[in-house]
Amino acid sequence: MSTVESNFTLTKDQLDRLPVGRDVTAVTLLAPGAVFGDSRIGQTGSRAGNVPSISGASPAENAYYINGFNVTNIVNGVAFNQVPFEAVAEQQVKTGGYSAEYGRSLGGVININTKRGTNEWKGGVSLNWEPDGLRDSSVYSEKDANGNWQLKNRPGSRNMFEANAFVGGPVIPDRLYVFGLVQGSQLKSKGFGISDQTETSNDSPQYLLKVDWNLTKDNLVELTAFSD
């Protein structure tokens, strides 16, 4: 055997072809042994803050990396920094046997490698629209006045529009590469609990900047800057 690591990897081309949600947790749940975390760990009944449980471990025992840098919430472990999803080049889910390079984890490791510049200038735009009118309905059960269980449509809504523009290429061929992405989005969601109602709106822009500088054939300097 060359390795004992249990690793599940998806590239950007594969993610574009899969009917999966556009976030890190949705992709992680495709890995064997990954499930949604216990809702009691999250806030206001949420699914552990939208983080997974891997191989039976607590959602607070996972570690999250972006280009080799640990971005796990150091306070409670159930949150992490995220790059714009369109900037993800590859996502790895390590469920066991991984090396000390990915420490500080008793559960699984989610490792994100971002897009980067190459010797060819490339750019583009992408649009993503998720209207509430095209979402499937969700039901829940509730007792009526006579004590009989009834199925009812779950209240709430979610509308999202996202636009991305990106460009990457060589500043100095074979030596210095740059990649940049800017994302504008508008997200509005409404949720209803037993005794509360929440309404969320977010239109903050996000960005990612990746710089790779080959000092020599054996030495590389990387810069990753992003907002989430």
C-alpha atoms as a PDB file:
ATOM      1  CA  MET A   1       0.000   0.000   0.000  1.00  0.00           C
ATOM      2  CA  SER A   2       1.205   3.503  -0.777  1.00  0.00           C
ATOM      3  CA  THR A   3      -1.109   5.290   1.682  1.00  0.00           C
ATOM      4  CA  VAL A   4      -3.654   4.540   4.405  1.00  0.00           C
ATOM      5  CA  GLU A   5      -5.493   7.831   3.906  1.00  0.00           C
ATOM      6  CA  SER A   6      -9.237   7.746   3.261  1.00  0.00           C
ATOM      7  CA  ASN A   7      -9.784  10.632   0.867  1.00  0.00           C
ATOM      8  CA  PHE A   8     -12.761  11.799  -1.217  1.00  0.00           C
ATOM      9  CA  THR A   9     -11.887  14.396  -3.883  1.00  0.00           C
ATOM     10  CA  LEU A  10     -14.031  16.357  -6.341  1.00  0.00           C
ATOM     11  CA  THR A  11     -12.698  18.820  -8.897  1.00  0.00           C
ATOM     12  CA  LYS A  12     -14.472  21.940 -10.172  1.00  0.00           C
ATOM     13  CA  ASP A  13     -15.441  20.187 -13.425  1.00  0.00           C
ATOM     14  CA  GLN A  14     -17.092  17.397 -11.435  1.00  0.00           C
ATOM     15  CA  LEU A  15     -18.865  19.841  -9.105  1.00  0.00           C
ATOM     16  CA  ASP A  16     -20.330  21.689 -12.102  1.00  0.00           C
ATOM     17  CA  ARG A  17     -21.929  18.430 -13.289  1.00  0.00           C
ATOM     18  CA  LEU A  18     -23.371  17.280  -9.953  1.00  0.00           C
ATOM     19  CA  PRO A  19     -26.812  18.345  -8.650  1.00  0.00           C
ATOM     20  CA  VAL A  20     -25.452  19.539  -5.319  1.00  0.00           C
ATOM     21  CA  GLY A  21     -25.799  22.731  -3.292  1.00  0.00           C
ATOM     22  CA  ARG A  22     -23.206  25.430  -3.862  1.00  0.00           C
ATOM     23  CA  ASP A  23     -21.479  25.280  -0.492  1.00  0.00           C
ATOM     24  CA  VAL A  24     -18.711  23.306   1.168  1.00  0.00           C
ATOM     25  CA  THR A  25     -20.979  21.315   3.489  1.00  0.00           C
ATOM     26  CA  ALA A  26     -23.246  20.112   0.672  1.00  0.00           C
ATOM     27  CA  VAL A  27     -20.207  18.748  -1.173  1.00  0.00           C
ATOM     28  CA  THR A  28     -18.806  17.187   2.007  1.00  0.00           C
ATOM     29  CA  LEU A  29     -22.021  15.216   2.517  1.00  0.00           C
ATOM     30  CA  LEU A  30     -21.273  13.298  -0.699  1.00  0.00           C
ATOM     31  CA  ALA A  31     -18.328  11.610   1.051  1.00  0.00           C
ATOM     32  CA  PRO A  32     -18.873   8.184   2.655  1.00  0.00           C
ATOM     33  CA  GLY A  33     -19.496   8.501   6.389  1.00  0.00           C
ATOM     34  CA  ALA A  34     -20.506  12.183   6.294  1.00  0.00           C
ATOM     35  CA  VAL A  35     -23.923  13.274   7.650  1.00  0.00           C
ATOM     36  CA  PHE A  36     -25.476  16.490   8.929  1.00  0.00           C
ATOM     37  CA  GLY A  37     -24.360  17.369  12.425  1.00  0.00           C
ATOM     38  CA  ASP A  38     -26.624  17.159  15.454  1.00  0.00           C
ATOM     39  CA  SER A  39     -28.905  20.208  15.505  1.00  0.00           C
ATOM     40  CA  ARG A  40     -28.333  20.667  19.256  1.00  0.00           C
ATOM     41  CA  ILE A  41     -24.790  21.846  18.524  1.00  0.00           C
ATOM     42  CA  GLY A  42     -25.969  24.692  16.301  1.00  0.00           C
ATOM     43  CA  GLN A  43     -27.863  27.841  17.139  1.00  0.00           C
ATOM     44  CA  THR A  44     -31.667  28.237  17.117  1.00  0.00           C
ATOM     45  CA  GLY A  45     -32.134  24.626  16.070  1.00  0.00           C
ATOM     46  CA  SER A  46     -30.034  24.888  12.916  1.00  0.00           C
ATOM     47  CA  ARG A  47     -28.140  21.881  11.668  1.00  0.00           C
ATOM     48  CA  ALA A  48     -25.024  22.508  13.714  1.00  0.00           C
ATOM     49  CA  GLY A  49     -24.519  25.771  11.862  1.00  0.00           C
ATOM     50  CA  ASN A  50     -24.495  23.856   8.547  1.00  0.00           C
ATOM     51  CA  VAL A  51     -21.449  21.737   9.342  1.00  0.00           C
ATOM     52  CA  PRO A  52     -21.166  17.955   8.908  1.00  0.00           C
ATOM     53  CA  SER A  53     -20.380  15.064  11.197  1.00  0.00           C
ATOM     54  CA  ILE A  54     -17.722  12.768   9.704  1.00  0.00           C
ATOM     55  CA  SER A  55     -17.250   9.116  10.677  1.00  0.00           C
ATOM     56  CA  GLY A  56     -19.411   9.524  13.763  1.00  0.00           C
ATOM     57  CA  ALA A  57     -17.358  12.344  15.288  1.00  0.00           C
ATOM     58  CA  SER A  58     -18.743  15.584  16.651  1.00  0.00           C
ATOM     59  CA  PRO A  59     -19.106  18.429  14.094  1.00  0.00           C
ATOM     60  CA  ALA A  60     -16.824  20.424  16.411  1.00  0.00           C
ATOM     61  CA  GLU A  61     -13.996  17.931  15.790  1.00  0.00           C
ATOM     62  CA  ASN A  62     -13.511  18.676  12.080  1.00  0.00           C
ATOM     63  CA  ALA A  63     -10.765  20.859  10.638  1.00  0.00           C
ATOM     64  CA  TYR A  64     -11.075  23.126   7.576  1.00  0.00           C
ATOM     65  CA  TYR A  65      -8.190  24.204   5.359  1.00  0.00           C
ATOM     66  CA  ILE A  66      -7.916  26.620   2.424  1.00  0.00           C
ATOM     67  CA  ASN A  67      -4.713  26.265   0.370  1.00  0.00           C
ATOM     68  CA  GLY A  68      -3.041  24.628   3.358  1.00  0.00           C
ATOM     69  CA  PHE A  69      -4.130  27.242   5.923  1.00  0.00           C
ATOM     70  CA  ASN A  70      -6.360  26.261   8.861  1.00  0.00           C
ATOM     71  CA  VAL A  71      -9.537  28.393   8.806  1.00  0.00           C
ATOM     72  CA  THR A  72     -11.529  26.544  11.491  1.00  0.00           C
ATOM     73  CA  ASN A  73     -13.286  28.638  14.141  1.00  0.00           C
ATOM     74  CA  ILE A  74     -10.917  28.263  17.100  1.00  0.00           C
ATOM     75  CA  VAL A  75     -13.628  29.039  19.694  1.00  0.00           C
ATOM     76  CA  ASN A  76     -16.172  26.283  19.109  1.00  0.00           C
ATOM     77  CA  GLY A  77     -14.997  24.426  15.971  1.00  0.00           C
ATOM     78  CA  VAL A  78     -18.427  24.522  14.291  1.00  0.00           C
ATOM     79  CA  ALA A  79     -17.727  27.370  11.884  1.00  0.00           C
ATOM     80  CA  PHE A  80     -15.100  28.163   9.274  1.00  0.00           C
ATOM     81  CA  ASN A  81     -14.111  30.756   6.688  1.00  0.00           C
ATOM     82  CA  GLN A  82     -15.277  30.132   3.118  1.00  0.00           C
ATOM     83  CA  VAL A  83     -14.053  31.381  -0.228  1.00  0.00           C
ATOM     84  CA  PRO A  84     -16.628  32.187  -2.947  1.00  0.00           C
ATOM     85  CA  PHE A  85     -17.801  28.819  -4.256  1.00  0.00           C
ATOM     86  CA  GLU A  86     -16.953  29.735  -7.844  1.00  0.00           C
ATOM     87  CA  ALA A  87     -13.302  30.079  -6.749  1.00  0.00           C
ATOM     88  CA  VAL A  88     -13.060  26.447  -5.582  1.00  0.00           C
ATOM     89  CA  ALA A  89     -10.850  24.344  -7.871  1.00  0.00           C
ATOM     90  CA  GLU A  90     -10.889  21.177  -5.776  1.00  0.00           C
ATOM     91  CA  GLN A  91     -12.420  19.959  -2.527  1.00  0.00           C
ATOM     92  CA  GLN A  92     -10.966  17.075  -0.538  1.00  0.00           C
ATOM     93  CA  VAL A  93     -12.735  15.322   2.339  1.00  0.00           C
ATOM     94  CA  LYS A  94     -10.317  13.272   4.448  1.00  0.00           C
ATOM     95  CA  THR A  95     -12.155  10.838   6.711  1.00  0.00           C
ATOM     96  CA  GLY A  96      -9.222   8.944   8.241  1.00  0.00           C
ATOM     97  CA  GLY A  97      -5.577   8.023   8.051  1.00  0.00           C
ATOM     98  CA  TYR A  98      -4.466  11.516   7.022  1.00  0.00           C
ATOM     99  CA  SER A  99      -0.998  12.836   7.803  1.00  0.00           C
ATOM    100  CA  ALA A 100       0.142  15.274  10.485  1.00  0.00           C
ATOM    101  CA  GLU A 101       0.023  18.003   7.833  1.00  0.00           C
ATOM    102  CA  TYR A 102      -3.712  18.151   8.625  1.00  0.00           C
ATOM    103  CA  GLY A 103      -3.689  18.213  12.396  1.00  0.00           C
ATOM    104  CA  ARG A 104      -6.053  19.602  15.034  1.00  0.00           C
ATOM    105  CA  SER A 105      -8.808  17.202  14.072  1.00  0.00           C
ATOM    106  CA  LEU A 106     -10.485  14.236  15.768  1.00  0.00           C
ATOM    107  CA  GLY A 107     -13.107  13.954  13.029  1.00  0.00           C
ATOM    108  CA  GLY A 108     -12.556  14.704   9.365  1.00  0.00           C
ATOM    109  CA  VAL A 109     -10.627  17.267   7.367  1.00  0.00           C
ATOM    110  CA  ILE A 110     -12.170  19.413   4.617  1.00  0.00           C
ATOM    111  CA  ASN A 111      -9.420  20.820   2.404  1.00  0.00           C
ATOM    112  CA  ILE A 112     -10.132  23.450  -0.279  1.00  0.00           C
ATOM    113  CA  ASN A 113      -7.727  24.272  -3.099  1.00  0.00           C
ATOM    114  CA  THR A 114      -8.662  27.447  -4.946  1.00  0.00           C
ATOM    115  CA  LYS A 115      -8.273  28.334  -8.595  1.00  0.00           C
ATOM    116  CA  ARG A 116      -4.984  29.976  -9.605  1.00  0.00           C
ATOM    117  CA  GLY A 117      -3.356  31.606 -12.584  1.00  0.00           C
ATOM    118  CA  THR A 118      -1.581  29.694 -15.355  1.00  0.00           C
ATOM    119  CA  ASN A 119       0.579  30.575 -18.360  1.00  0.00           C
ATOM    120  CA  GLU A 120      -2.556  31.435 -20.329  1.00  0.00           C
ATOM    121  CA  TRP A 121      -4.803  34.410 -19.610  1.00  0.00           C
ATOM    122  CA  LYS A 122      -8.374  33.288 -18.969  1.00  0.00           C
ATOM    123  CA  GLY A 123     -11.427  35.100 -17.702  1.00  0.00           C
ATOM    124  CA  GLY A 124     -15.176  34.817 -17.563  1.00  0.00           C
ATOM    125  CA  VAL A 125     -18.444  35.526 -15.808  1.00  0.00           C
ATOM    126  CA  SER A 126     -21.098  33.298 -14.286  1.00  0.00           C
ATOM    127  CA  LEU A 127     -24.638  33.829 -13.027  1.00  0.00           C
ATOM    128  CA  ASN A 128     -26.579  31.730 -10.537  1.00  0.00           C
ATOM    129  CA  TRP A 129     -30.258  32.323  -9.755  1.00  0.00           C
ATOM    130  CA  GLU A 130     -32.302  30.380  -7.202  1.00  0.00           C
ATOM    131  CA  PRO A 131     -35.860  31.766  -7.085  1.00  0.00           C
ATOM    132  CA  ASP A 132     -38.145  30.623  -4.289  1.00  0.00           C
ATOM    133  CA  GLY A 133     -40.896  29.899  -6.831  1.00  0.00           C
ATOM    134  CA  LEU A 134     -38.875  26.999  -8.257  1.00  0.00           C
ATOM    135  CA  ARG A 135     -38.054  25.402  -4.911  1.00  0.00           C
ATOM    136  CA  ASP A 136     -39.837  22.227  -3.887  1.00  0.00           C
ATOM    137  CA  SER A 137     -42.339  22.392  -1.032  1.00  0.00           C
ATOM    138  CA  SER A 138     -41.489  21.117   2.436  1.00  0.00           C
ATOM    139  CA  VAL A 139     -43.985  19.647   4.894  1.00  0.00           C
ATOM    140  CA  TYR A 140     -44.069  18.962   8.614  1.00  0.00           C
ATOM    141  CA  SER A 141     -46.506  17.208  10.971  1.00  0.00           C
ATOM    142  CA  GLU A 142     -48.552  18.969  13.651  1.00  0.00           C
ATOM    143  CA  LYS A 143     -51.388  17.957  15.946  1.00  0.00           C
ATOM    144  CA  ASP A 144     -54.754  19.670  15.452  1.00  0.00           C
ATOM    145  CA  ALA A 145     -57.264  20.581  18.154  1.00  0.00           C
ATOM    146  CA  ASN A 146     -58.579  17.000  18.204  1.00  0.00           C
ATOM    147  CA  GLY A 147     -55.133  15.509  18.732  1.00  0.00           C
ATOM    148  CA  ASN A 148     -54.821  14.175  15.178  1.00  0.00           C
ATOM    149  CA  TRP A 149     -51.591  14.562  13.214  1.00  0.00           C
ATOM    150  CA  GLN A 150     -51.818  16.733  10.117  1.00  0.00           C
ATOM    151  CA  LEU A 151     -49.303  17.443   7.371  1.00  0.00           C
ATOM    152  CA  LYS A 152     -48.781  21.152   6.674  1.00  0.00           C
ATOM    153  CA  ASN A 153     -46.617  23.103   4.274  1.00  0.00           C
ATOM    154  CA  ARG A 154     -43.576  24.446   6.063  1.00  0.00           C
ATOM    155  CA  PRO A 155     -43.501  28.277   6.017  1.00  0.00           C
ATOM    156  CA  GLY A 156     -40.507  30.237   4.838  1.00  0.00           C
ATOM    157  CA  SER A 157     -38.830  31.320   1.618  1.00  0.00           C
ATOM    158  CA  ARG A 158     -35.396  31.750   0.050  1.00  0.00           C
ATOM    159  CA  ASN A 159     -34.363  33.839  -2.969  1.00  0.00           C
ATOM    160  CA  MET A 160     -30.778  34.098  -4.166  1.00  0.00           C
ATOM    161  CA  PHE A 161     -29.034  35.749  -7.115  1.00  0.00           C
ATOM    162  CA  GLU A 162     -25.283  35.576  -7.607  1.00  0.00           C
ATOM    163  CA  ALA A 163     -22.889  36.981 -10.219  1.00  0.00           C
ATOM    164  CA  ASN A 164     -19.172  36.231 -10.517  1.00  0.00           C
ATOM    165  CA  ALA A 165     -16.408  37.773 -12.638  1.00  0.00           C
ATOM    166  CA  PHE A 166     -12.904  36.302 -12.703  1.00  0.00           C
ATOM    167  CA  VAL A 167      -9.597  36.565 -14.549  1.00  0.00           C
ATOM    168  CA  GLY A 168      -6.226  34.844 -14.219  1.00  0.00           C
ATOM    169  CA  GLY A 169      -2.941  34.519 -16.043  1.00  0.00           C
ATOM    170  CA  PRO A 170       0.817  35.150 -16.026  1.00  0.00           C
ATOM    171  CA  VAL A 171       2.316  38.435 -14.879  1.00  0.00           C
ATOM    172  CA  ILE A 172       5.713  36.918 -15.688  1.00  0.00           C
ATOM    173  CA  PRO A 173       5.420  33.654 -17.684  1.00  0.00           C
ATOM    174  CA  ASP A 174       6.630  30.591 -15.767  1.00  0.00           C
ATOM    175  CA  ARG A 175       7.398  32.752 -12.720  1.00  0.00           C
ATOM    176  CA  LEU A 176       4.550  34.900 -11.435  1.00  0.00           C
ATOM    177  CA  TYR A 177       0.837  34.103 -11.748  1.00  0.00           C
ATOM    178  CA  VAL A 178      -2.269  35.867 -10.495  1.00  0.00           C
ATOM    179  CA  PHE A 179      -5.953  34.972 -10.236  1.00  0.00           C
ATOM    180  CA  GLY A 180      -8.765  37.240  -9.050  1.00  0.00           C
ATOM    181  CA  LEU A 181     -12.504  36.769  -8.558  1.00  0.00           C
ATOM    182  CA  VAL A 182     -15.238  39.169  -7.437  1.00  0.00           C
ATOM    183  CA  GLN A 183     -18.685  37.938  -6.441  1.00  0.00           C
ATOM    184  CA  GLY A 184     -21.818  40.014  -5.999  1.00  0.00           C
ATOM    185  CA  SER A 185     -24.914  38.389  -4.553  1.00  0.00           C
ATOM    186  CA  GLN A 186     -28.282  39.093  -3.040  1.00  0.00           C
ATOM    187  CA  LEU A 187     -29.752  36.571  -0.611  1.00  0.00           C
ATOM    188  CA  LYS A 188     -33.083  36.895   1.180  1.00  0.00           C
ATOM    189  CA  SER A 189     -34.518  34.140   3.354  1.00  0.00           C
ATOM    190  CA  LYS A 190     -37.352  33.812   5.854  1.00  0.00           C
ATOM    191  CA  GLY A 191     -37.666  31.109   8.492  1.00  0.00           C
ATOM    192  CA  PHE A 192     -40.249  30.281  11.121  1.00  0.00           C
ATOM    193  CA  GLY A 193     -39.771  28.362  14.348  1.00  0.00           C
ATOM    194  CA  ILE A 194     -42.198  27.342  17.068  1.00  0.00           C
ATOM    195  CA  SER A 195     -41.959  30.711  18.807  1.00  0.00           C
ATOM    196  CA  ASP A 196     -39.835  32.885  16.550  1.00  0.00           C
ATOM    197  CA  GLN A 197     -39.508  34.243  13.037  1.00  0.00           C
ATOM    198  CA  THR A 198     -36.243  35.129  11.297  1.00  0.00           C
ATOM    199  CA  GLU A 199     -35.597  37.132   8.167  1.00  0.00           C
ATOM    200  CA  THR A 200     -32.091  37.316   6.685  1.00  0.00           C
ATOM    201  CA  SER A 201     -30.786  39.573   3.942  1.00  0.00           C
ATOM    202  CA  ASN A 202     -27.211  39.638   2.625  1.00  0.00           C
ATOM    203  CA  ASP A 203     -25.825  41.592  -0.328  1.00  0.00           C
ATOM    204  CA  SER A 204     -22.176  41.940   0.776  1.00  0.00           C
ATOM    205  CA  PRO A 205     -19.688  41.363  -2.076  1.00  0.00           C
ATOM    206  CA  GLN A 206     -16.945  38.733  -1.790  1.00  0.00           C
ATOM    207  CA  TYR A 207     -13.567  38.429  -3.452  1.00  0.00           C
ATOM    208  CA  LEU A 208     -10.563  36.131  -3.809  1.00  0.00           C
ATOM    209  CA  LEU A 209      -6.993  36.971  -4.853  1.00  0.00           C
ATOM    210  CA  LYS A 210      -4.421  34.220  -5.475  1.00  0.00           C
ATOM    211  CA  VAL A 211      -0.785  35.013  -6.292  1.00  0.00           C
ATOM    212  CA  ASP A 212       1.867  32.352  -6.991  1.00  0.00           C
ATOM    213  CA  TRP A 213       5.539  33.334  -7.351  1.00  0.00           C
ATOM    214  CA  ASN A 214       8.108  30.728  -8.369  1.00  0.00           C
ATOM    215  CA  LEU A 215      11.294  32.151  -6.859  1.00  0.00           C
ATOM    216  CA  THR A 216      13.277  29.117  -8.016  1.00  0.00           C
ATOM    217  CA  LYS A 217      12.387  25.626  -9.190  1.00  0.00           C
ATOM    218  CA  ASP A 218      12.403  24.535  -5.534  1.00  0.00           C
ATOM    219  CA  ASN A 219      10.886  27.598  -3.821  1.00  0.00           C
ATOM    220  CA  LEU A 220       7.352  28.942  -4.171  1.00  0.00           C
ATOM    221  CA  VAL A 221       5.695  31.895  -2.455  1.00  0.00           C
ATOM    222  CA  GLU A 222       1.888  31.884  -2.297  1.00  0.00           C
ATOM    223  CA  LEU A 223      -0.598  34.558  -1.293  1.00  0.00           C
ATOM    224  CA  THR A 224      -4.287  33.826  -0.746  1.00  0.00           C
ATOM    225  CA  ALA A 225      -6.565  36.725   0.232  1.00  0.00           C
ATOM    226  CA  PHE A 226     -10.356  36.482   0.387  1.00  0.00           C
ATOM    227  CA  SER A 227     -13.459  37.749   2.110  1.00  0.00           C
ATOM    228  CA  ASP A 228     -16.408  35.675   3.283  1.00  0.00           C
END
